[in-house]
Amino acid sequence: MRLSLYSLRLFVSVVDEGTIAKAAEREHIASSALSKRISELEQSLGTPLLVRLARGVQPTIAGSVLAKGARLLLRNAEDLADEIEHFASGLSGQVRVAANLSSITQFLAADLGRFCDAHPFVRVDLEEQVSDEVVRLVSANAADIGIYSLSDKDHELETFPYRTDRMVMVVPDTHPLASRESVSFAETLDYPHVGMHPGSAANALLMRHASDLHRQIQLRFQVTSYDAMIAMIKAGMGIGMMPNHSISLYSIDRMKILQLDDNWAARQLRLCVRSTESLTPAGRLLLDSLCSDDSPA
């Protein structure tokens, strides 16, 4: 059996786009020709790869397995071509990184800046996702390296410590808690909160520890970014918990930062990969750089 890389690329596009028509547009090929390629691939493998639905397609179990393996083959083929093309210029390649918001705003942006300056022929593609989605993308071979803070789905991956951050409470300077230097999480539950969106690690952290205290958290608003949280807090719409190092990115006039007394406020950010052996040379170079970075945390 021979598998064409081009056919595999077309199949992955169909899985990504959810319809043959959109995949054909993305790959600049006629829909009929793409459909024929998929049918030939199914005949060659002897099993259905797609379930045809009224509004598109979705992969069968075999199709999902093929898509995961095809991404790895296509990625390796692209890296090989890049390395040969830029052989005279030193190490080259492309590394796909998925990371949560906390790691990007606090540490990763600066770390990637230093890495890219030192290795100009390595292209790093960065995608922001919540922690569970970061782990899923690495598991599905849709990302090479992941950075996350909280997930119970990483048991099949290789993980490494990255940085430690600390959650703090931000309150308006007119708030009853503003006279304090530190506060326990339990004390904050007497007041309305501005929280991050469902699915985020910060939201999971709030819910978990409120539940541990057998308390309900008053989530007045939920936002998708720390700048939106800061804006809502400044407007007096509630108090909010966010990573300490992220606050330096924003103007904090009319606000007060309170340390959280709870031990769990210190969080471990982690790196994950499917396996170090599966990484390309460029991927291993970036992983080593992130593992050994000794910038202040």
C-alpha atoms as a PDB file:
ATOM      1  CA  MET A   1       0.000   0.000   0.000  1.00  0.00           C
ATOM      2  CA  ARG A   2       1.328   3.452  -0.935  1.00  0.00           C
ATOM      3  CA  LEU A   3      -0.002   6.621   0.670  1.00  0.00           C
ATOM      4  CA  SER A   4       0.371   9.861  -1.228  1.00  0.00           C
ATOM      5  CA  LEU A   5       1.385  12.826   0.926  1.00  0.00           C
ATOM      6  CA  TYR A   6      -0.786  15.012  -1.265  1.00  0.00           C
ATOM      7  CA  SER A   7      -3.838  12.803  -0.670  1.00  0.00           C
ATOM      8  CA  LEU A   8      -3.112  12.828   3.057  1.00  0.00           C
ATOM      9  CA  ARG A   9      -2.879  16.620   3.014  1.00  0.00           C
ATOM     10  CA  LEU A  10      -6.237  16.830   1.240  1.00  0.00           C
ATOM     11  CA  PHE A  11      -7.778  14.441   3.770  1.00  0.00           C
ATOM     12  CA  VAL A  12      -6.486  16.484   6.729  1.00  0.00           C
ATOM     13  CA  SER A  13      -7.932  19.632   5.128  1.00  0.00           C
ATOM     14  CA  VAL A  14     -11.338  17.941   4.839  1.00  0.00           C
ATOM     15  CA  VAL A  15     -11.202  16.930   8.523  1.00  0.00           C
ATOM     16  CA  ASP A  16     -10.150  20.451   9.538  1.00  0.00           C
ATOM     17  CA  GLU A  17     -12.744  22.259   7.419  1.00  0.00           C
ATOM     18  CA  GLY A  18     -15.647  19.861   7.981  1.00  0.00           C
ATOM     19  CA  THR A  19     -16.792  19.983   4.345  1.00  0.00           C
ATOM     20  CA  ILE A  20     -15.275  18.886   1.043  1.00  0.00           C
ATOM     21  CA  ALA A  21     -16.235  22.193  -0.574  1.00  0.00           C
ATOM     22  CA  LYS A  22     -14.336  24.305   1.983  1.00  0.00           C
ATOM     23  CA  ALA A  23     -11.347  21.964   1.864  1.00  0.00           C
ATOM     24  CA  ALA A  24     -11.300  22.154  -1.935  1.00  0.00           C
ATOM     25  CA  GLU A  25     -11.297  25.966  -1.755  1.00  0.00           C
ATOM     26  CA  ARG A  26      -8.458  25.886   0.781  1.00  0.00           C
ATOM     27  CA  GLU A  27      -6.381  23.506  -1.336  1.00  0.00           C
ATOM     28  CA  HIS A  28      -7.247  25.143  -4.697  1.00  0.00           C
ATOM     29  CA  ILE A  29      -8.673  21.965  -6.202  1.00  0.00           C
ATOM     30  CA  ALA A  30     -12.066  21.104  -7.668  1.00  0.00           C
ATOM     31  CA  SER A  31     -14.490  19.544  -5.184  1.00  0.00           C
ATOM     32  CA  SER A  32     -15.069  16.589  -7.490  1.00  0.00           C
ATOM     33  CA  ALA A  33     -11.334  15.922  -7.773  1.00  0.00           C
ATOM     34  CA  LEU A  34     -10.883  16.138  -4.008  1.00  0.00           C
ATOM     35  CA  SER A  35     -13.851  13.818  -3.414  1.00  0.00           C
ATOM     36  CA  LYS A  36     -12.325  11.318  -5.840  1.00  0.00           C
ATOM     37  CA  ARG A  37      -9.005  11.467  -3.972  1.00  0.00           C
ATOM     38  CA  ILE A  38     -10.769  10.686  -0.684  1.00  0.00           C
ATOM     39  CA  SER A  39     -12.670   7.786  -2.246  1.00  0.00           C
ATOM     40  CA  GLU A  40      -9.425   6.368  -3.657  1.00  0.00           C
ATOM     41  CA  LEU A  41      -7.811   6.716  -0.227  1.00  0.00           C
ATOM     42  CA  GLU A  42     -10.701   4.817   1.387  1.00  0.00           C
ATOM     43  CA  GLN A  43     -10.470   2.078  -1.244  1.00  0.00           C
ATOM     44  CA  SER A  44      -6.719   1.805  -0.773  1.00  0.00           C
ATOM     45  CA  LEU A  45      -7.055   1.450   2.999  1.00  0.00           C
ATOM     46  CA  GLY A  46     -10.142  -0.746   2.809  1.00  0.00           C
ATOM     47  CA  THR A  47     -12.190   1.224   5.338  1.00  0.00           C
ATOM     48  CA  PRO A  48     -14.459   4.303   5.409  1.00  0.00           C
ATOM     49  CA  LEU A  49     -12.653   7.412   6.591  1.00  0.00           C
ATOM     50  CA  LEU A  50     -15.503   9.925   6.562  1.00  0.00           C
ATOM     51  CA  VAL A  51     -19.160   9.927   7.529  1.00  0.00           C
ATOM     52  CA  ARG A  52     -21.114  12.002   5.016  1.00  0.00           C
ATOM     53  CA  LEU A  53     -23.682  14.213   6.770  1.00  0.00           C
ATOM     54  CA  ALA A  54     -26.287  16.628   5.473  1.00  0.00           C
ATOM     55  CA  ARG A  55     -24.111  19.658   6.197  1.00  0.00           C
ATOM     56  CA  GLY A  56     -20.643  18.234   5.827  1.00  0.00           C
ATOM     57  CA  VAL A  57     -18.485  15.342   6.893  1.00  0.00           C
ATOM     58  CA  GLN A  58     -16.836  14.025  10.035  1.00  0.00           C
ATOM     59  CA  PRO A  59     -14.069  11.445  10.414  1.00  0.00           C
ATOM     60  CA  THR A  60     -14.774   7.862  11.404  1.00  0.00           C
ATOM     61  CA  ILE A  61     -12.627   6.339  14.148  1.00  0.00           C
ATOM     62  CA  ALA A  62     -10.240   5.124  11.442  1.00  0.00           C
ATOM     63  CA  GLY A  63     -10.328   8.575   9.880  1.00  0.00           C
ATOM     64  CA  SER A  64      -9.351  10.234  13.163  1.00  0.00           C
ATOM     65  CA  VAL A  65      -6.418   7.844  13.550  1.00  0.00           C
ATOM     66  CA  LEU A  66      -5.336   8.543   9.970  1.00  0.00           C
ATOM     67  CA  ALA A  67      -5.641  12.328  10.442  1.00  0.00           C
ATOM     68  CA  LYS A  68      -3.450  12.227  13.557  1.00  0.00           C
ATOM     69  CA  GLY A  69      -0.759  10.159  11.821  1.00  0.00           C
ATOM     70  CA  ALA A  70      -1.036  12.173   8.612  1.00  0.00           C
ATOM     71  CA  ARG A  71      -0.345  15.417  10.477  1.00  0.00           C
ATOM     72  CA  LEU A  72       2.856  13.898  11.835  1.00  0.00           C
ATOM     73  CA  LEU A  73       3.959  12.686   8.382  1.00  0.00           C
ATOM     74  CA  LEU A  74       3.161  16.027   6.759  1.00  0.00           C
ATOM     75  CA  ARG A  75       4.894  17.911   9.554  1.00  0.00           C
ATOM     76  CA  ASN A  76       8.028  15.786   9.208  1.00  0.00           C
ATOM     77  CA  ALA A  77       7.993  16.224   5.432  1.00  0.00           C
ATOM     78  CA  GLU A  78       7.727  20.015   5.778  1.00  0.00           C
ATOM     79  CA  ASP A  79      10.518  20.099   8.350  1.00  0.00           C
ATOM     80  CA  LEU A  80      12.752  17.989   6.122  1.00  0.00           C
ATOM     81  CA  ALA A  81      12.159  20.333   3.192  1.00  0.00           C
ATOM     82  CA  ASP A  82      12.835  23.387   5.375  1.00  0.00           C
ATOM     83  CA  GLU A  83      16.045  21.917   6.774  1.00  0.00           C
ATOM     84  CA  ILE A  84      17.374  21.046   3.319  1.00  0.00           C
ATOM     85  CA  GLU A  85      16.392  24.452   1.907  1.00  0.00           C
ATOM     86  CA  HIS A  86      18.159  26.347   4.687  1.00  0.00           C
ATOM     87  CA  PHE A  87      20.959  23.869   5.312  1.00  0.00           C
ATOM     88  CA  ALA A  88      23.635  26.446   4.594  1.00  0.00           C
ATOM     89  CA  SER A  89      22.104  28.846   7.115  1.00  0.00           C
ATOM     90  CA  GLY A  90      22.142  26.517  10.104  1.00  0.00           C
ATOM     91  CA  LEU A  91      19.288  24.917  12.036  1.00  0.00           C
ATOM     92  CA  SER A  92      15.849  25.663  10.628  1.00  0.00           C
ATOM     93  CA  GLY A  93      12.319  24.384  10.847  1.00  0.00           C
ATOM     94  CA  GLN A  94       8.915  25.143  12.288  1.00  0.00           C
ATOM     95  CA  VAL A  95       7.580  24.491  15.785  1.00  0.00           C
ATOM     96  CA  ARG A  96       3.897  24.653  16.698  1.00  0.00           C
ATOM     97  CA  VAL A  97       3.276  25.879  20.243  1.00  0.00           C
ATOM     98  CA  ALA A  98      -0.061  25.972  22.068  1.00  0.00           C
ATOM     99  CA  ALA A  99      -0.131  27.892  25.356  1.00  0.00           C
ATOM    100  CA  ASN A 100      -2.579  29.309  27.853  1.00  0.00           C
ATOM    101  CA  LEU A 101      -3.066  33.021  28.388  1.00  0.00           C
ATOM    102  CA  SER A 102      -1.212  33.162  31.718  1.00  0.00           C
ATOM    103  CA  SER A 103       1.994  31.684  30.332  1.00  0.00           C
ATOM    104  CA  ILE A 104       1.955  33.938  27.251  1.00  0.00           C
ATOM    105  CA  THR A 105       1.381  37.210  29.077  1.00  0.00           C
ATOM    106  CA  GLN A 106       3.789  36.505  31.934  1.00  0.00           C
ATOM    107  CA  PHE A 107       6.747  34.589  30.493  1.00  0.00           C
ATOM    108  CA  LEU A 108       6.399  32.998  27.064  1.00  0.00           C
ATOM    109  CA  ALA A 109       6.359  36.141  24.913  1.00  0.00           C
ATOM    110  CA  ALA A 110       9.765  37.215  26.242  1.00  0.00           C
ATOM    111  CA  ASP A 111      11.173  33.676  26.117  1.00  0.00           C
ATOM    112  CA  LEU A 112      10.121  33.221  22.476  1.00  0.00           C
ATOM    113  CA  GLY A 113      11.547  36.636  21.600  1.00  0.00           C
ATOM    114  CA  ARG A 114      14.956  35.605  22.901  1.00  0.00           C
ATOM    115  CA  PHE A 115      14.764  32.203  21.200  1.00  0.00           C
ATOM    116  CA  CYS A 116      13.770  33.630  17.806  1.00  0.00           C
ATOM    117  CA  ASP A 117      16.548  36.223  17.984  1.00  0.00           C
ATOM    118  CA  ALA A 118      19.062  33.429  18.612  1.00  0.00           C
ATOM    119  CA  HIS A 119      17.574  31.083  15.966  1.00  0.00           C
ATOM    120  CA  PRO A 120      16.224  33.233  13.106  1.00  0.00           C
ATOM    121  CA  PHE A 121      15.621  30.255  10.784  1.00  0.00           C
ATOM    122  CA  VAL A 122      13.283  28.505  13.214  1.00  0.00           C
ATOM    123  CA  ARG A 123       9.688  29.615  12.775  1.00  0.00           C
ATOM    124  CA  VAL A 124       7.497  29.379  15.865  1.00  0.00           C
ATOM    125  CA  ASP A 125       3.723  29.293  15.368  1.00  0.00           C
ATOM    126  CA  LEU A 126       1.917  30.189  18.605  1.00  0.00           C
ATOM    127  CA  GLU A 127      -1.751  29.485  19.346  1.00  0.00           C
ATOM    128  CA  GLU A 128      -3.458  30.661  22.544  1.00  0.00           C
ATOM    129  CA  GLN A 129      -5.820  28.116  24.097  1.00  0.00           C
ATOM    130  CA  VAL A 130      -7.185  27.143  27.509  1.00  0.00           C
ATOM    131  CA  SER A 131      -5.148  24.522  29.354  1.00  0.00           C
ATOM    132  CA  ASP A 132      -7.280  21.458  28.545  1.00  0.00           C
ATOM    133  CA  GLU A 133      -7.308  22.412  24.863  1.00  0.00           C
ATOM    134  CA  VAL A 134      -3.515  22.870  24.922  1.00  0.00           C
ATOM    135  CA  VAL A 135      -3.155  19.288  26.169  1.00  0.00           C
ATOM    136  CA  ARG A 136      -5.655  18.013  23.583  1.00  0.00           C
ATOM    137  CA  LEU A 137      -3.827  19.715  20.702  1.00  0.00           C
ATOM    138  CA  VAL A 138      -0.497  18.163  21.731  1.00  0.00           C
ATOM    139  CA  SER A 139      -2.128  14.729  22.171  1.00  0.00           C
ATOM    140  CA  ALA A 140      -3.720  15.015  18.701  1.00  0.00           C
ATOM    141  CA  ASN A 141      -0.412  16.044  17.096  1.00  0.00           C
ATOM    142  CA  ALA A 142      -1.859  19.447  16.221  1.00  0.00           C
ATOM    143  CA  ALA A 143       0.806  21.147  18.359  1.00  0.00           C
ATOM    144  CA  ASP A 144       4.407  20.137  19.097  1.00  0.00           C
ATOM    145  CA  ILE A 145       4.819  21.814  22.498  1.00  0.00           C
ATOM    146  CA  GLY A 146       2.139  22.851  24.967  1.00  0.00           C
ATOM    147  CA  ILE A 147       2.246  25.137  28.006  1.00  0.00           C
ATOM    148  CA  TYR A 148      -0.569  24.885  30.512  1.00  0.00           C
ATOM    149  CA  SER A 149      -1.330  25.319  34.200  1.00  0.00           C
ATOM    150  CA  LEU A 150      -4.114  22.913  35.118  1.00  0.00           C
ATOM    151  CA  SER A 151      -5.313  19.735  33.397  1.00  0.00           C
ATOM    152  CA  ASP A 152      -6.146  16.167  34.368  1.00  0.00           C
ATOM    153  CA  LYS A 153      -5.757  14.948  30.774  1.00  0.00           C
ATOM    154  CA  ASP A 154      -1.965  15.019  30.440  1.00  0.00           C
ATOM    155  CA  HIS A 155      -1.187  11.494  31.677  1.00  0.00           C
ATOM    156  CA  GLU A 156      -0.174  10.215  28.227  1.00  0.00           C
ATOM    157  CA  LEU A 157       2.251  13.083  27.589  1.00  0.00           C
ATOM    158  CA  GLU A 158       5.774  13.894  28.704  1.00  0.00           C
ATOM    159  CA  THR A 159       5.666  16.950  30.967  1.00  0.00           C
ATOM    160  CA  PHE A 160       8.283  19.303  32.384  1.00  0.00           C
ATOM    161  CA  PRO A 161       8.157  22.229  34.844  1.00  0.00           C
ATOM    162  CA  TYR A 162       8.205  25.639  33.149  1.00  0.00           C
ATOM    163  CA  ARG A 163       7.571  28.513  35.560  1.00  0.00           C
ATOM    164  CA  THR A 164       5.757  29.253  38.810  1.00  0.00           C
ATOM    165  CA  ASP A 165       3.249  32.061  38.958  1.00  0.00           C
ATOM    166  CA  ARG A 166       1.132  33.378  41.804  1.00  0.00           C
ATOM    167  CA  MET A 167      -2.485  34.404  41.713  1.00  0.00           C
ATOM    168  CA  VAL A 168      -3.418  37.690  43.406  1.00  0.00           C
ATOM    169  CA  MET A 169      -6.683  39.502  43.992  1.00  0.00           C
ATOM    170  CA  VAL A 170      -7.270  42.867  42.288  1.00  0.00           C
ATOM    171  CA  VAL A 171      -9.861  45.195  43.830  1.00  0.00           C
ATOM    172  CA  PRO A 172     -10.961  48.810  43.227  1.00  0.00           C
ATOM    173  CA  ASP A 173      -9.199  51.228  45.588  1.00  0.00           C
ATOM    174  CA  THR A 174     -12.604  52.121  47.079  1.00  0.00           C
ATOM    175  CA  HIS A 175     -13.456  48.499  47.894  1.00  0.00           C
ATOM    176  CA  PRO A 176     -13.869  47.390  51.554  1.00  0.00           C
ATOM    177  CA  LEU A 177     -10.872  45.049  51.119  1.00  0.00           C
ATOM    178  CA  ALA A 178      -8.608  47.751  49.669  1.00  0.00           C
ATOM    179  CA  SER A 179      -7.129  48.605  53.069  1.00  0.00           C
ATOM    180  CA  ARG A 180      -5.680  45.091  53.335  1.00  0.00           C
ATOM    181  CA  GLU A 181      -2.294  43.871  52.089  1.00  0.00           C
ATOM    182  CA  SER A 182      -3.398  40.253  51.853  1.00  0.00           C
ATOM    183  CA  VAL A 183      -6.643  38.319  52.032  1.00  0.00           C
ATOM    184  CA  SER A 184      -7.827  34.732  52.095  1.00  0.00           C
ATOM    185  CA  PHE A 185      -9.859  33.450  49.169  1.00  0.00           C
ATOM    186  CA  ALA A 186     -12.722  32.646  51.557  1.00  0.00           C
ATOM    187  CA  GLU A 187     -12.986  36.315  52.523  1.00  0.00           C
ATOM    188  CA  THR A 188     -13.326  37.368  48.875  1.00  0.00           C
ATOM    189  CA  LEU A 189     -16.401  35.181  48.427  1.00  0.00           C
ATOM    190  CA  ASP A 190     -18.458  37.759  50.302  1.00  0.00           C
ATOM    191  CA  TYR A 191     -18.132  40.068  47.277  1.00  0.00           C
ATOM    192  CA  PRO A 192     -19.034  39.894  43.556  1.00  0.00           C
ATOM    193  CA  HIS A 193     -16.247  38.648  41.266  1.00  0.00           C
ATOM    194  CA  VAL A 194     -15.254  39.330  37.678  1.00  0.00           C
ATOM    195  CA  GLY A 195     -14.011  35.939  36.429  1.00  0.00           C
ATOM    196  CA  MET A 196     -12.439  34.444  33.356  1.00  0.00           C
ATOM    197  CA  HIS A 197     -14.578  32.523  30.873  1.00  0.00           C
ATOM    198  CA  PRO A 198     -15.747  28.905  31.420  1.00  0.00           C
ATOM    199  CA  GLY A 199     -13.099  26.380  30.390  1.00  0.00           C
ATOM    200  CA  SER A 200     -10.162  28.563  31.421  1.00  0.00           C
ATOM    201  CA  ALA A 201      -7.732  27.407  34.123  1.00  0.00           C
ATOM    202  CA  ALA A 202      -8.464  30.536  36.161  1.00  0.00           C
ATOM    203  CA  ASN A 203     -12.202  29.794  36.094  1.00  0.00           C
ATOM    204  CA  ALA A 204     -11.586  26.169  37.099  1.00  0.00           C
ATOM    205  CA  LEU A 205      -9.382  27.366  39.960  1.00  0.00           C
ATOM    206  CA  LEU A 206     -12.110  29.674  41.292  1.00  0.00           C
ATOM    207  CA  MET A 207     -14.819  27.021  41.058  1.00  0.00           C
ATOM    208  CA  ARG A 208     -12.703  24.260  42.588  1.00  0.00           C
ATOM    209  CA  HIS A 209     -11.680  26.203  45.672  1.00  0.00           C
ATOM    210  CA  ALA A 210     -15.090  27.762  46.215  1.00  0.00           C
ATOM    211  CA  SER A 211     -16.497  24.227  46.157  1.00  0.00           C
ATOM    212  CA  ASP A 212     -13.823  23.077  48.635  1.00  0.00           C
ATOM    213  CA  LEU A 213     -15.104  25.788  50.986  1.00  0.00           C
ATOM    214  CA  HIS A 214     -18.740  24.749  50.333  1.00  0.00           C
ATOM    215  CA  ARG A 215     -19.413  28.289  49.135  1.00  0.00           C
ATOM    216  CA  GLN A 216     -20.953  29.821  46.043  1.00  0.00           C
ATOM    217  CA  ILE A 217     -18.899  32.353  44.115  1.00  0.00           C
ATOM    218  CA  GLN A 218     -20.750  35.465  42.943  1.00  0.00           C
ATOM    219  CA  LEU A 219     -19.588  35.672  39.319  1.00  0.00           C
ATOM    220  CA  ARG A 220     -21.072  38.974  38.226  1.00  0.00           C
ATOM    221  CA  PHE A 221     -19.284  38.971  34.871  1.00  0.00           C
ATOM    222  CA  GLN A 222     -17.076  36.538  32.932  1.00  0.00           C
ATOM    223  CA  VAL A 223     -14.548  37.821  30.406  1.00  0.00           C
ATOM    224  CA  THR A 224     -12.067  36.354  27.930  1.00  0.00           C
ATOM    225  CA  SER A 225      -8.985  38.460  28.653  1.00  0.00           C
ATOM    226  CA  TYR A 226      -7.179  40.087  31.553  1.00  0.00           C
ATOM    227  CA  ASP A 227      -7.459  43.558  30.044  1.00  0.00           C
ATOM    228  CA  ALA A 228     -11.262  43.139  30.032  1.00  0.00           C
ATOM    229  CA  MET A 229     -11.099  41.989  33.667  1.00  0.00           C
ATOM    230  CA  ILE A 230      -9.031  45.050  34.619  1.00  0.00           C
ATOM    231  CA  ALA A 231     -11.505  47.350  32.862  1.00  0.00           C
ATOM    232  CA  MET A 232     -14.470  45.821  34.708  1.00  0.00           C
ATOM    233  CA  ILE A 233     -12.692  46.057  38.076  1.00  0.00           C
ATOM    234  CA  LYS A 234     -11.795  49.722  37.443  1.00  0.00           C
ATOM    235  CA  ALA A 235     -15.469  50.345  36.694  1.00  0.00           C
ATOM    236  CA  GLY A 236     -16.358  48.958  40.125  1.00  0.00           C
ATOM    237  CA  MET A 237     -18.129  45.883  38.752  1.00  0.00           C
ATOM    238  CA  GLY A 238     -16.394  43.413  41.064  1.00  0.00           C
ATOM    239  CA  ILE A 239     -13.038  42.037  42.174  1.00  0.00           C
ATOM    240  CA  GLY A 240     -10.892  39.647  40.163  1.00  0.00           C
ATOM    241  CA  MET A 241      -8.147  37.065  40.511  1.00  0.00           C
ATOM    242  CA  MET A 242      -5.291  37.062  38.012  1.00  0.00           C
ATOM    243  CA  PRO A 243      -1.581  36.111  37.794  1.00  0.00           C
ATOM    244  CA  ASN A 244       0.701  38.602  39.514  1.00  0.00           C
ATOM    245  CA  HIS A 245       3.187  38.965  36.618  1.00  0.00           C
ATOM    246  CA  SER A 246       0.377  39.758  34.144  1.00  0.00           C
ATOM    247  CA  ILE A 247      -0.604  42.898  36.040  1.00  0.00           C
ATOM    248  CA  SER A 248       2.527  44.752  34.901  1.00  0.00           C
ATOM    249  CA  LEU A 249       1.025  44.872  31.387  1.00  0.00           C
ATOM    250  CA  TYR A 250      -1.841  47.104  32.524  1.00  0.00           C
ATOM    251  CA  SER A 251      -2.384  50.445  34.182  1.00  0.00           C
ATOM    252  CA  ILE A 252      -3.481  49.738  37.749  1.00  0.00           C
ATOM    253  CA  ASP A 253      -4.470  53.231  38.855  1.00  0.00           C
ATOM    254  CA  ARG A 254      -7.591  53.232  41.063  1.00  0.00           C
ATOM    255  CA  MET A 255      -6.933  49.597  42.000  1.00  0.00           C
ATOM    256  CA  LYS A 256      -5.232  47.682  44.793  1.00  0.00           C
ATOM    257  CA  ILE A 257      -3.382  44.349  44.496  1.00  0.00           C
ATOM    258  CA  LEU A 258      -3.878  41.978  47.424  1.00  0.00           C
ATOM    259  CA  GLN A 259      -1.786  38.880  48.054  1.00  0.00           C
ATOM    260  CA  LEU A 260      -3.765  35.661  48.482  1.00  0.00           C
ATOM    261  CA  ASP A 261      -2.867  33.818  51.692  1.00  0.00           C
ATOM    262  CA  ASP A 262      -3.912  30.424  50.305  1.00  0.00           C
ATOM    263  CA  ASN A 263      -1.132  27.945  49.453  1.00  0.00           C
ATOM    264  CA  TRP A 264      -2.806  26.995  46.175  1.00  0.00           C
ATOM    265  CA  ALA A 265      -2.380  30.573  44.888  1.00  0.00           C
ATOM    266  CA  ALA A 266       1.118  29.532  43.740  1.00  0.00           C
ATOM    267  CA  ARG A 267       0.673  27.586  40.480  1.00  0.00           C
ATOM    268  CA  GLN A 268       3.061  25.475  38.450  1.00  0.00           C
ATOM    269  CA  LEU A 269       3.051  26.146  34.714  1.00  0.00           C
ATOM    270  CA  ARG A 270       4.123  23.053  32.786  1.00  0.00           C
ATOM    271  CA  LEU A 271       5.431  22.124  29.343  1.00  0.00           C
ATOM    272  CA  CYS A 272       4.126  19.036  27.544  1.00  0.00           C
ATOM    273  CA  VAL A 273       5.065  17.078  24.410  1.00  0.00           C
ATOM    274  CA  ARG A 274       3.914  13.743  23.000  1.00  0.00           C
ATOM    275  CA  SER A 275       7.481  12.519  23.410  1.00  0.00           C
ATOM    276  CA  THR A 276      10.881  14.134  23.132  1.00  0.00           C
ATOM    277  CA  GLU A 277      11.833  11.523  20.524  1.00  0.00           C
ATOM    278  CA  SER A 278       8.998  12.629  18.233  1.00  0.00           C
ATOM    279  CA  LEU A 279      10.130  16.261  18.203  1.00  0.00           C
ATOM    280  CA  THR A 280      12.023  17.671  15.250  1.00  0.00           C
ATOM    281  CA  PRO A 281      15.491  19.109  15.929  1.00  0.00           C
ATOM    282  CA  ALA A 282      13.958  22.602  16.009  1.00  0.00           C
ATOM    283  CA  GLY A 283      11.293  21.406  18.443  1.00  0.00           C
ATOM    284  CA  ARG A 284      13.877  19.861  20.751  1.00  0.00           C
ATOM    285  CA  LEU A 285      15.926  23.055  20.596  1.00  0.00           C
ATOM    286  CA  LEU A 286      12.928  25.145  21.683  1.00  0.00           C
ATOM    287  CA  LEU A 287      11.931  22.660  24.398  1.00  0.00           C
ATOM    288  CA  ASP A 288      15.464  22.691  25.811  1.00  0.00           C
ATOM    289  CA  SER A 289      15.462  26.496  25.735  1.00  0.00           C
ATOM    290  CA  LEU A 290      12.144  26.742  27.600  1.00  0.00           C
ATOM    291  CA  CYS A 291      13.170  24.117  30.156  1.00  0.00           C
ATOM    292  CA  SER A 292      16.450  25.823  30.921  1.00  0.00           C
ATOM    293  CA  ASP A 293      15.371  29.457  30.793  1.00  0.00           C
ATOM    294  CA  ASP A 294      16.537  31.044  34.041  1.00  0.00           C
ATOM    295  CA  SER A 295      14.828  34.401  33.662  1.00  0.00           C
ATOM    296  CA  PRO A 296      13.223  35.627  36.861  1.00  0.00           C
ATOM    297  CA  ALA A 297       9.839  34.095  37.587  1.00  0.00           C
END
